[in-house]
C-alpha atoms as a PDB file:
ATOM      1  CA  UNK A   1      12.168 -53.144 -14.690  1.00  0.00           C
ATOM      2  CA  UNK A   2      10.540 -55.601 -12.369  1.00  0.00           C
ATOM      3  CA  UNK A   3       8.405 -55.006  -9.305  1.00  0.00           C
ATOM      4  CA  UNK A   4       9.950 -55.182  -5.830  1.00  0.00           C
ATOM      5  CA  UNK A   5      10.148 -58.594  -4.226  1.00  0.00           C
ATOM      6  CA  UNK A   6      11.454 -57.273  -0.877  1.00  0.00           C
ATOM      7  CA  UNK A   7      11.602 -54.053   1.085  1.00  0.00           C
ATOM      8  CA  UNK A   8      14.237 -51.518   0.123  1.00  0.00           C
ATOM      9  CA  UNK A   9      15.401 -48.133   1.330  1.00  0.00           C
ATOM     10  CA  UNK A  10      14.144 -45.590  -1.225  1.00  0.00           C
ATOM     11  CA  UNK A  11      16.493 -42.697  -1.938  1.00  0.00           C
ATOM     12  CA  UNK A  12      14.755 -39.541  -0.769  1.00  0.00           C
ATOM     13  CA  UNK A  13      15.473 -35.859  -1.100  1.00  0.00           C
ATOM     14  CA  UNK A  14      13.665 -33.326   1.057  1.00  0.00           C
ATOM     15  CA  UNK A  15      11.233 -31.303  -1.013  1.00  0.00           C
ATOM     16  CA  UNK A  16      11.895 -28.190   1.068  1.00  0.00           C
ATOM     17  CA  UNK A  17      14.909 -27.362  -1.133  1.00  0.00           C
ATOM     18  CA  UNK A  18      16.043 -27.877  -4.702  1.00  0.00           C
ATOM     19  CA  UNK A  19      19.284 -26.956  -6.448  1.00  0.00           C
ATOM     20  CA  UNK A  20      19.319 -25.197  -9.826  1.00  0.00           C
ATOM     21  CA  UNK A  21      22.153 -24.067 -12.108  1.00  0.00           C
ATOM     22  CA  UNK A  22      22.432 -20.278 -12.464  1.00  0.00           C
ATOM     23  CA  UNK A  23      22.393 -18.680 -15.919  1.00  0.00           C
ATOM     24  CA  UNK A  24      25.775 -17.342 -17.038  1.00  0.00           C
ATOM     25  CA  UNK A  25      26.535 -13.681 -16.262  1.00  0.00           C
ATOM     26  CA  UNK A  26      23.735 -13.712 -13.662  1.00  0.00           C
ATOM     27  CA  UNK A  27      23.552 -13.203  -9.894  1.00  0.00           C
ATOM     28  CA  UNK A  28      20.715 -14.525  -7.734  1.00  0.00           C
ATOM     29  CA  UNK A  29      20.500 -12.943  -4.278  1.00  0.00           C
ATOM     30  CA  UNK A  30      19.657 -14.770  -1.059  1.00  0.00           C
ATOM     31  CA  UNK A  31      16.018 -14.096  -0.167  1.00  0.00           C
ATOM     32  CA  UNK A  32      15.065 -13.194  -3.725  1.00  0.00           C
ATOM     33  CA  UNK A  33      12.334 -14.659  -5.879  1.00  0.00           C
ATOM     34  CA  UNK A  34      13.838 -16.926  -8.542  1.00  0.00           C
ATOM     35  CA  UNK A  35      12.447 -17.780 -11.975  1.00  0.00           C
ATOM     36  CA  UNK A  36      13.449 -19.855 -14.984  1.00  0.00           C
ATOM     37  CA  UNK A  37      12.785 -19.864 -18.676  1.00  0.00           C
ATOM     38  CA  UNK A  38      12.363 -23.143 -20.498  1.00  0.00           C
ATOM     39  CA  UNK A  39      16.176 -23.468 -20.472  1.00  0.00           C
ATOM     40  CA  UNK A  40      16.184 -24.719 -16.845  1.00  0.00           C
ATOM     41  CA  UNK A  41      18.557 -22.051 -15.472  1.00  0.00           C
ATOM     42  CA  UNK A  42      17.875 -19.863 -12.435  1.00  0.00           C
ATOM     43  CA  UNK A  43      17.376 -16.117 -12.957  1.00  0.00           C
ATOM     44  CA  UNK A  44      16.446 -13.345 -10.501  1.00  0.00           C
ATOM     45  CA  UNK A  45      12.675 -12.819 -10.378  1.00  0.00           C
ATOM     46  CA  UNK A  46      11.331 -10.783 -13.282  1.00  0.00           C
ATOM     47  CA  UNK A  47       7.913 -10.108 -14.819  1.00  0.00           C
ATOM     48  CA  UNK A  48       9.021 -11.397 -18.212  1.00  0.00           C
ATOM     49  CA  UNK A  49       7.421 -13.480 -20.924  1.00  0.00           C
ATOM     50  CA  UNK A  50       8.086 -17.210 -20.741  1.00  0.00           C
ATOM     51  CA  UNK A  51       9.337 -17.340 -17.129  1.00  0.00           C
ATOM     52  CA  UNK A  52       8.120 -19.674 -14.370  1.00  0.00           C
ATOM     53  CA  UNK A  53       8.539 -19.332 -10.604  1.00  0.00           C
ATOM     54  CA  UNK A  54      11.077 -21.753  -9.083  1.00  0.00           C
ATOM     55  CA  UNK A  55      11.316 -20.651  -5.449  1.00  0.00           C
ATOM     56  CA  UNK A  56      13.134 -18.330  -3.045  1.00  0.00           C
ATOM     57  CA  UNK A  57      16.941 -18.287  -2.923  1.00  0.00           C
ATOM     58  CA  UNK A  58      18.298 -19.815   0.288  1.00  0.00           C
ATOM     59  CA  UNK A  59      21.764 -18.465  -0.567  1.00  0.00           C
ATOM     60  CA  UNK A  60      23.486 -16.247  -3.092  1.00  0.00           C
ATOM     61  CA  UNK A  61      24.129 -17.803  -6.484  1.00  0.00           C
ATOM     62  CA  UNK A  62      26.774 -15.601  -8.112  1.00  0.00           C
ATOM     63  CA  UNK A  63      27.551 -16.608 -11.682  1.00  0.00           C
ATOM     64  CA  UNK A  64      28.074 -12.989 -12.747  1.00  0.00           C
ATOM     65  CA  UNK A  65      31.783 -13.546 -13.385  1.00  0.00           C
ATOM     66  CA  UNK A  66      31.219 -16.368 -15.853  1.00  0.00           C
ATOM     67  CA  UNK A  67      29.493 -16.538 -19.216  1.00  0.00           C
ATOM     68  CA  UNK A  68      29.183 -20.299 -18.740  1.00  0.00           C
ATOM     69  CA  UNK A  69      25.623 -21.350 -17.966  1.00  0.00           C
ATOM     70  CA  UNK A  70      25.453 -23.492 -14.830  1.00  0.00           C
ATOM     71  CA  UNK A  71      29.005 -22.807 -13.612  1.00  0.00           C
ATOM     72  CA  UNK A  72      27.372 -21.988 -10.246  1.00  0.00           C
ATOM     73  CA  UNK A  73      24.344 -23.551  -8.556  1.00  0.00           C
ATOM     74  CA  UNK A  74      21.875 -22.022  -6.122  1.00  0.00           C
ATOM     75  CA  UNK A  75      19.773 -23.722  -3.451  1.00  0.00           C
ATOM     76  CA  UNK A  76      16.108 -22.655  -3.446  1.00  0.00           C
ATOM     77  CA  UNK A  77      13.349 -22.954  -0.874  1.00  0.00           C
ATOM     78  CA  UNK A  78      10.356 -24.696  -2.463  1.00  0.00           C
ATOM     79  CA  UNK A  79       8.007 -24.250   0.516  1.00  0.00           C
ATOM     80  CA  UNK A  80       7.350 -21.679   3.198  1.00  0.00           C
ATOM     81  CA  UNK A  81       6.075 -18.198   3.934  1.00  0.00           C
ATOM     82  CA  UNK A  82       8.315 -15.263   2.991  1.00  0.00           C
ATOM     83  CA  UNK A  83       8.140 -11.472   3.252  1.00  0.00           C
ATOM     84  CA  UNK A  84       8.211  -9.396   0.077  1.00  0.00           C
ATOM     85  CA  UNK A  85       7.621  -5.799  -0.877  1.00  0.00           C
ATOM     86  CA  UNK A  86       4.162  -4.865  -2.187  1.00  0.00           C
ATOM     87  CA  UNK A  87       2.962  -1.341  -2.874  1.00  0.00           C
ATOM     88  CA  UNK A  88      -0.166  -0.247  -1.008  1.00  0.00           C
ATOM     89  CA  UNK A  89      -0.621  -3.475   0.941  1.00  0.00           C
ATOM     90  CA  UNK A  90      -3.984  -3.710   2.739  1.00  0.00           C
ATOM     91  CA  UNK A  91      -5.761  -6.349   4.797  1.00  0.00           C
ATOM     92  CA  UNK A  92      -7.979  -6.993   1.773  1.00  0.00           C
ATOM     93  CA  UNK A  93      -4.924  -8.477  -0.001  1.00  0.00           C
ATOM     94  CA  UNK A  94      -4.878 -11.501   2.336  1.00  0.00           C
ATOM     95  CA  UNK A  95      -5.829 -14.629   0.402  1.00  0.00           C
ATOM     96  CA  UNK A  96      -5.055 -13.048  -2.971  1.00  0.00           C
ATOM     97  CA  UNK A  97      -2.636 -14.553  -5.474  1.00  0.00           C
ATOM     98  CA  UNK A  98       0.649 -12.618  -5.657  1.00  0.00           C
ATOM     99  CA  UNK A  99       2.524 -12.105  -8.935  1.00  0.00           C
ATOM    100  CA  UNK A 100       6.250 -11.402  -9.413  1.00  0.00           C
ATOM    101  CA  UNK A 101       7.339  -7.908 -10.475  1.00  0.00           C
ATOM    102  CA  UNK A 102      11.046  -8.374  -9.650  1.00  0.00           C
ATOM    103  CA  UNK A 103      13.148 -10.458  -7.262  1.00  0.00           C
ATOM    104  CA  UNK A 104      11.800  -8.717  -4.157  1.00  0.00           C
ATOM    105  CA  UNK A 105       8.470  -7.208  -5.233  1.00  0.00           C
ATOM    106  CA  UNK A 106       5.024  -8.743  -5.714  1.00  0.00           C
ATOM    107  CA  UNK A 107       1.714  -7.352  -6.896  1.00  0.00           C
ATOM    108  CA  UNK A 108      -1.889  -8.453  -7.390  1.00  0.00           C
ATOM    109  CA  UNK A 109      -1.439  -7.818 -11.128  1.00  0.00           C
ATOM    110  CA  UNK A 110       1.445  -8.042 -13.575  1.00  0.00           C
ATOM    111  CA  UNK A 111       2.053  -8.075 -17.307  1.00  0.00           C
ATOM    112  CA  UNK A 112       3.016 -11.759 -17.513  1.00  0.00           C
ATOM    113  CA  UNK A 113       1.144 -13.228 -14.520  1.00  0.00           C
ATOM    114  CA  UNK A 114       3.984 -15.210 -12.935  1.00  0.00           C
ATOM    115  CA  UNK A 115       2.344 -16.354  -9.699  1.00  0.00           C
ATOM    116  CA  UNK A 116       4.541 -16.860  -6.643  1.00  0.00           C
ATOM    117  CA  UNK A 117       1.956 -17.755  -3.985  1.00  0.00           C
ATOM    118  CA  UNK A 118      -0.864 -16.476  -1.826  1.00  0.00           C
ATOM    119  CA  UNK A 119      -0.660 -13.508   0.526  1.00  0.00           C
ATOM    120  CA  UNK A 120      -1.112 -14.750   4.094  1.00  0.00           C
ATOM    121  CA  UNK A 121      -0.521 -11.588   6.139  1.00  0.00           C
ATOM    122  CA  UNK A 122       0.166  -7.863   5.939  1.00  0.00           C
ATOM    123  CA  UNK A 123       3.282  -6.725   7.798  1.00  0.00           C
ATOM    124  CA  UNK A 124       2.850  -3.034   6.976  1.00  0.00           C
ATOM    125  CA  UNK A 125       1.637  -0.888   4.070  1.00  0.00           C
ATOM    126  CA  UNK A 126       4.562  -1.958   1.880  1.00  0.00           C
ATOM    127  CA  UNK A 127       5.299  -5.531   3.055  1.00  0.00           C
ATOM    128  CA  UNK A 128       3.342  -8.790   2.790  1.00  0.00           C
ATOM    129  CA  UNK A 129       3.918 -12.419   3.693  1.00  0.00           C
ATOM    130  CA  UNK A 130       3.479 -14.893   0.825  1.00  0.00           C
ATOM    131  CA  UNK A 131       3.085 -18.684   1.059  1.00  0.00           C
ATOM    132  CA  UNK A 132       4.897 -20.057  -2.000  1.00  0.00           C
ATOM    133  CA  UNK A 133       4.061 -23.793  -1.769  1.00  0.00           C
ATOM    134  CA  UNK A 134       1.265 -23.927  -4.367  1.00  0.00           C
ATOM    135  CA  UNK A 135       3.052 -21.842  -7.008  1.00  0.00           C
ATOM    136  CA  UNK A 136       6.579 -23.251  -7.354  1.00  0.00           C
ATOM    137  CA  UNK A 137       7.477 -25.406 -10.357  1.00  0.00           C
END
């Protein structure tokens, strides 16, 4: 390739969203934490070995009726602050790194340490707000 010799319009995609194929026989729910293994497919959030955090589902991605990987795609938020369930949430949790337990639950600790962002606010004793920007892959 050669360097530019004139201005051009660069193709740009907003980094607020990304689209991922959903694993076969899997359903990702709108508003849920979404992870992937090294296969590149979207799965509902889970505290499992080998998973990485991808984002928060902006829509349902229902591939449960198909065994074909990627037959359905799901759009994910890659930035923002979202509310999730957390047991025994206290003001002292603000600023702490949150880890995925399942597709709607976070904790300050987990078996596999899949980070999903930093807690920014406490809504009530079982709900926190998490900023995901620094933790998505």
